[in-house]
Amino acid sequence: MPAKKLTCKTGLKKNVIKKDVFERELALCKKLSKENGGKCGWGTCSKCGVVPLLYKLHKGILLEKPAEIKKVKKFLYGHKKNQP
C-alpha cells in the first residue's frame, strides 16, 4: 500500500503549540522587527515564514496566499487595528 502524500495540510490541527508560546513568539517577531528596521537574525520580515508557521501550529490555519500572509503581518506589526 503506498504511503499518503505528505503536504502542508497533512495532520493540520489546532493547538500544536500553546497560546502563550504563540503569543510570546509573535511578540518577539514584532519587537525584533521594530528594533531592527524589519529584520531579525533570521532575515527580512517581509520574506519570513515564521509568522505563517506559528499560525499553522497554534490556530490550525494554513496561510498560503501572499495576500493572507501580508494581512496577518500587517496586523502583527501594528498597521491594522482588527485581527484577521
N, C-alpha and C. Protein backbone atom coordinates (compact mmCIF):
# COMPACT_ATOMS: atom_id res chain seq x y z
N MET A 1 0.85 -1.17 0.00
CA MET A 1 0.00 0.00 0.00
C MET A 1 0.90 1.24 0.00
N PRO A 2 0.68 2.17 -0.94
CA PRO A 2 1.52 3.37 -1.00
C PRO A 2 1.22 4.31 0.17
N ALA A 3 2.26 4.97 0.64
CA ALA A 3 2.13 5.93 1.74
C ALA A 3 1.38 7.17 1.26
N LYS A 4 0.67 7.80 2.19
CA LYS A 4 -0.03 9.03 1.84
C LYS A 4 0.98 10.11 1.50
N LYS A 5 0.62 10.94 0.54
CA LYS A 5 1.48 12.04 0.14
C LYS A 5 1.54 13.08 1.27
N LEU A 6 2.74 13.47 1.64
CA LEU A 6 2.95 14.47 2.69
C LEU A 6 2.75 15.86 2.09
N THR A 7 1.87 16.65 2.71
CA THR A 7 1.61 18.02 2.27
C THR A 7 1.60 18.94 3.49
N CYS A 8 1.45 20.23 3.24
CA CYS A 8 1.37 21.20 4.33
C CYS A 8 0.12 21.00 5.18
N LYS A 9 -0.89 20.34 4.60
CA LYS A 9 -2.15 20.14 5.31
C LYS A 9 -2.21 18.79 6.02
N THR A 10 -1.20 17.95 5.84
CA THR A 10 -1.18 16.65 6.50
C THR A 10 -1.14 16.84 8.01
N GLY A 11 -2.12 16.31 8.68
CA GLY A 11 -2.17 16.40 10.15
C GLY A 11 -2.44 17.79 10.68
N LEU A 12 -2.98 18.67 9.88
CA LEU A 12 -3.25 20.04 10.29
C LEU A 12 -4.26 20.05 11.44
N LYS A 13 -3.85 20.59 12.58
CA LYS A 13 -4.75 20.69 13.74
C LYS A 13 -4.36 21.88 14.60
N LYS A 14 -5.30 22.29 15.45
CA LYS A 14 -5.11 23.44 16.33
C LYS A 14 -4.29 23.05 17.55
N ASN A 15 -3.70 24.07 18.15
CA ASN A 15 -3.04 23.98 19.45
C ASN A 15 -1.87 23.00 19.52
N VAL A 16 -1.12 22.87 18.43
CA VAL A 16 0.10 22.09 18.46
C VAL A 16 1.09 22.78 19.40
N ILE A 17 1.07 24.11 19.35
CA ILE A 17 1.80 24.90 20.35
C ILE A 17 0.77 25.65 21.18
N LYS A 18 1.08 25.90 22.42
CA LYS A 18 0.14 26.56 23.33
C LYS A 18 0.02 28.05 23.01
N LYS A 19 -1.08 28.63 23.46
CA LYS A 19 -1.37 30.04 23.21
C LYS A 19 -0.26 30.95 23.73
N ASP A 20 0.26 30.67 24.92
CA ASP A 20 1.29 31.55 25.48
C ASP A 20 2.57 31.50 24.65
N VAL A 21 2.91 30.35 24.11
CA VAL A 21 4.09 30.22 23.25
C VAL A 21 3.85 30.99 21.94
N PHE A 22 2.67 30.81 21.36
CA PHE A 22 2.28 31.50 20.14
C PHE A 22 2.39 33.02 20.32
N GLU A 23 1.80 33.52 21.39
CA GLU A 23 1.81 34.96 21.64
C GLU A 23 3.21 35.48 21.93
N ARG A 24 4.00 34.72 22.69
CA ARG A 24 5.37 35.13 23.00
C ARG A 24 6.22 35.22 21.72
N GLU A 25 6.10 34.23 20.85
CA GLU A 25 6.89 34.24 19.63
C GLU A 25 6.47 35.36 18.68
N LEU A 26 5.16 35.63 18.59
CA LEU A 26 4.70 36.76 17.77
C LEU A 26 5.20 38.08 18.36
N ALA A 27 5.17 38.20 19.68
CA ALA A 27 5.67 39.42 20.33
C ALA A 27 7.16 39.61 20.06
N LEU A 28 7.90 38.52 20.06
CA LEU A 28 9.33 38.59 19.77
C LEU A 28 9.56 39.04 18.33
N CYS A 29 8.79 38.49 17.39
CA CYS A 29 8.89 38.92 15.99
C CYS A 29 8.64 40.42 15.87
N LYS A 30 7.58 40.88 16.52
CA LYS A 30 7.21 42.30 16.47
C LYS A 30 8.31 43.17 17.06
N LYS A 31 8.83 42.77 18.20
CA LYS A 31 9.88 43.53 18.89
C LYS A 31 11.15 43.63 18.03
N LEU A 32 11.59 42.49 17.51
CA LEU A 32 12.82 42.49 16.71
C LEU A 32 12.65 43.27 15.41
N SER A 33 11.47 43.16 14.80
CA SER A 33 11.21 43.91 13.57
C SER A 33 11.28 45.41 13.83
N LYS A 34 10.68 45.84 14.93
CA LYS A 34 10.67 47.26 15.27
C LYS A 34 12.08 47.76 15.59
N GLU A 35 12.82 46.98 16.37
CA GLU A 35 14.17 47.38 16.77
C GLU A 35 15.18 47.38 15.62
N ASN A 36 14.97 46.51 14.65
CA ASN A 36 15.97 46.31 13.60
C ASN A 36 15.49 46.69 12.21
N GLY A 37 14.46 47.51 12.13
CA GLY A 37 14.01 48.01 10.83
C GLY A 37 13.51 46.94 9.88
N GLY A 38 12.71 46.00 10.39
CA GLY A 38 12.12 44.97 9.54
C GLY A 38 13.00 43.77 9.33
N LYS A 39 13.97 43.58 10.21
CA LYS A 39 14.87 42.43 10.10
C LYS A 39 15.13 41.86 11.49
N CYS A 40 15.49 40.59 11.49
CA CYS A 40 15.96 39.97 12.73
C CYS A 40 17.10 39.03 12.36
N GLY A 41 17.54 38.21 13.27
CA GLY A 41 18.63 37.28 12.99
C GLY A 41 18.28 36.24 11.94
N TRP A 42 17.01 36.08 11.64
CA TRP A 42 16.57 35.08 10.66
C TRP A 42 16.48 35.65 9.26
N GLY A 43 16.42 36.97 9.13
CA GLY A 43 16.32 37.57 7.80
C GLY A 43 15.36 38.74 7.79
N THR A 44 14.81 39.01 6.61
CA THR A 44 13.90 40.13 6.40
C THR A 44 12.46 39.69 6.69
N CYS A 45 11.76 40.48 7.48
CA CYS A 45 10.40 40.12 7.91
C CYS A 45 9.45 39.90 6.74
N SER A 46 9.57 40.69 5.69
CA SER A 46 8.65 40.56 4.56
C SER A 46 8.80 39.22 3.83
N LYS A 47 9.93 38.55 3.99
CA LYS A 47 10.17 37.26 3.34
C LYS A 47 10.11 36.08 4.32
N CYS A 48 9.86 36.38 5.57
CA CYS A 48 9.95 35.38 6.64
C CYS A 48 8.75 34.44 6.66
N GLY A 49 8.99 33.20 7.04
CA GLY A 49 7.94 32.21 7.15
C GLY A 49 7.56 31.88 8.58
N VAL A 50 8.13 32.57 9.55
CA VAL A 50 7.86 32.26 10.96
C VAL A 50 6.40 32.54 11.32
N VAL A 51 5.88 33.67 10.93
CA VAL A 51 4.50 34.03 11.28
C VAL A 51 3.51 33.02 10.70
N PRO A 52 3.59 32.68 9.41
CA PRO A 52 2.67 31.66 8.90
C PRO A 52 2.84 30.30 9.60
N LEU A 53 4.05 29.95 9.96
CA LEU A 53 4.28 28.69 10.67
C LEU A 53 3.63 28.72 12.05
N LEU A 54 3.77 29.83 12.76
CA LEU A 54 3.14 29.94 14.08
C LEU A 54 1.63 29.84 13.98
N TYR A 55 1.04 30.49 12.98
CA TYR A 55 -0.41 30.40 12.78
C TYR A 55 -0.82 28.96 12.50
N LYS A 56 -0.04 28.27 11.70
CA LYS A 56 -0.35 26.87 11.39
C LYS A 56 -0.30 26.01 12.65
N LEU A 57 0.72 26.19 13.46
CA LEU A 57 0.90 25.35 14.64
C LEU A 57 -0.06 25.66 15.78
N HIS A 58 -0.49 26.91 15.91
CA HIS A 58 -1.40 27.24 17.01
C HIS A 58 -2.86 27.27 16.58
N LYS A 59 -3.14 27.96 15.49
CA LYS A 59 -4.53 28.14 15.09
C LYS A 59 -5.03 27.07 14.14
N GLY A 60 -4.12 26.26 13.59
CA GLY A 60 -4.53 25.24 12.64
C GLY A 60 -4.95 25.84 11.31
N ILE A 61 -4.45 27.04 11.04
CA ILE A 61 -4.78 27.75 9.80
C ILE A 61 -3.54 27.76 8.91
N LEU A 62 -3.72 27.30 7.68
CA LEU A 62 -2.63 27.30 6.73
C LEU A 62 -2.71 28.56 5.88
N LEU A 63 -1.78 29.46 6.07
CA LEU A 63 -1.72 30.69 5.28
C LEU A 63 -0.85 30.42 4.06
N GLU A 64 -1.47 30.35 2.89
CA GLU A 64 -0.73 30.04 1.67
C GLU A 64 -0.69 31.21 0.70
N LYS A 65 -1.76 31.97 0.64
CA LYS A 65 -1.84 33.05 -0.33
C LYS A 65 -1.05 34.26 0.18
N PRO A 66 -0.26 34.87 -0.70
CA PRO A 66 0.53 36.04 -0.29
C PRO A 66 -0.33 37.15 0.36
N ALA A 67 -1.55 37.34 -0.12
CA ALA A 67 -2.42 38.38 0.45
C ALA A 67 -2.80 38.05 1.89
N GLU A 68 -3.03 36.76 2.19
CA GLU A 68 -3.36 36.34 3.56
C GLU A 68 -2.18 36.60 4.49
N ILE A 69 -1.01 36.22 4.04
CA ILE A 69 0.20 36.39 4.85
C ILE A 69 0.48 37.87 5.08
N LYS A 70 0.32 38.66 4.05
CA LYS A 70 0.56 40.11 4.16
C LYS A 70 -0.42 40.74 5.16
N LYS A 71 -1.67 40.31 5.13
CA LYS A 71 -2.68 40.84 6.05
C LYS A 71 -2.33 40.52 7.50
N VAL A 72 -1.91 39.30 7.76
CA VAL A 72 -1.54 38.89 9.11
C VAL A 72 -0.31 39.65 9.58
N LYS A 73 0.68 39.80 8.71
CA LYS A 73 1.89 40.52 9.08
C LYS A 73 1.62 41.99 9.32
N LYS A 74 0.73 42.59 8.53
CA LYS A 74 0.38 43.99 8.75
C LYS A 74 -0.27 44.17 10.11
N PHE A 75 -1.14 43.22 10.47
CA PHE A 75 -1.76 43.29 11.80
C PHE A 75 -0.69 43.14 12.88
N LEU A 76 0.16 42.16 12.72
CA LEU A 76 1.19 41.88 13.72
C LEU A 76 2.10 43.08 13.95
N TYR A 77 2.51 43.71 12.89
CA TYR A 77 3.46 44.80 13.01
C TYR A 77 2.79 46.15 13.26
N GLY A 78 1.48 46.13 13.62
CA GLY A 78 0.80 47.32 14.10
C GLY A 78 0.17 48.20 13.06
N HIS A 79 -0.06 47.70 11.85
CA HIS A 79 -0.63 48.52 10.80
C HIS A 79 -2.15 48.38 10.72
N LYS A 80 -2.72 47.40 11.41
CA LYS A 80 -4.17 47.20 11.41
C LYS A 80 -4.67 47.16 12.84
N LYS A 81 -5.91 47.56 13.05
CA LYS A 81 -6.47 47.56 14.40
C LYS A 81 -7.23 46.28 14.71
N ASN A 82 -7.74 45.59 13.70
CA ASN A 82 -8.53 44.37 13.92
C ASN A 82 -7.74 43.14 13.48
N GLN A 83 -7.79 42.10 14.30
CA GLN A 83 -7.08 40.87 13.97
C GLN A 83 -7.77 40.16 12.82
N PRO A 84 -6.97 39.60 11.89
CA PRO A 84 -7.57 38.86 10.77
C PRO A 84 -8.23 37.58 11.23
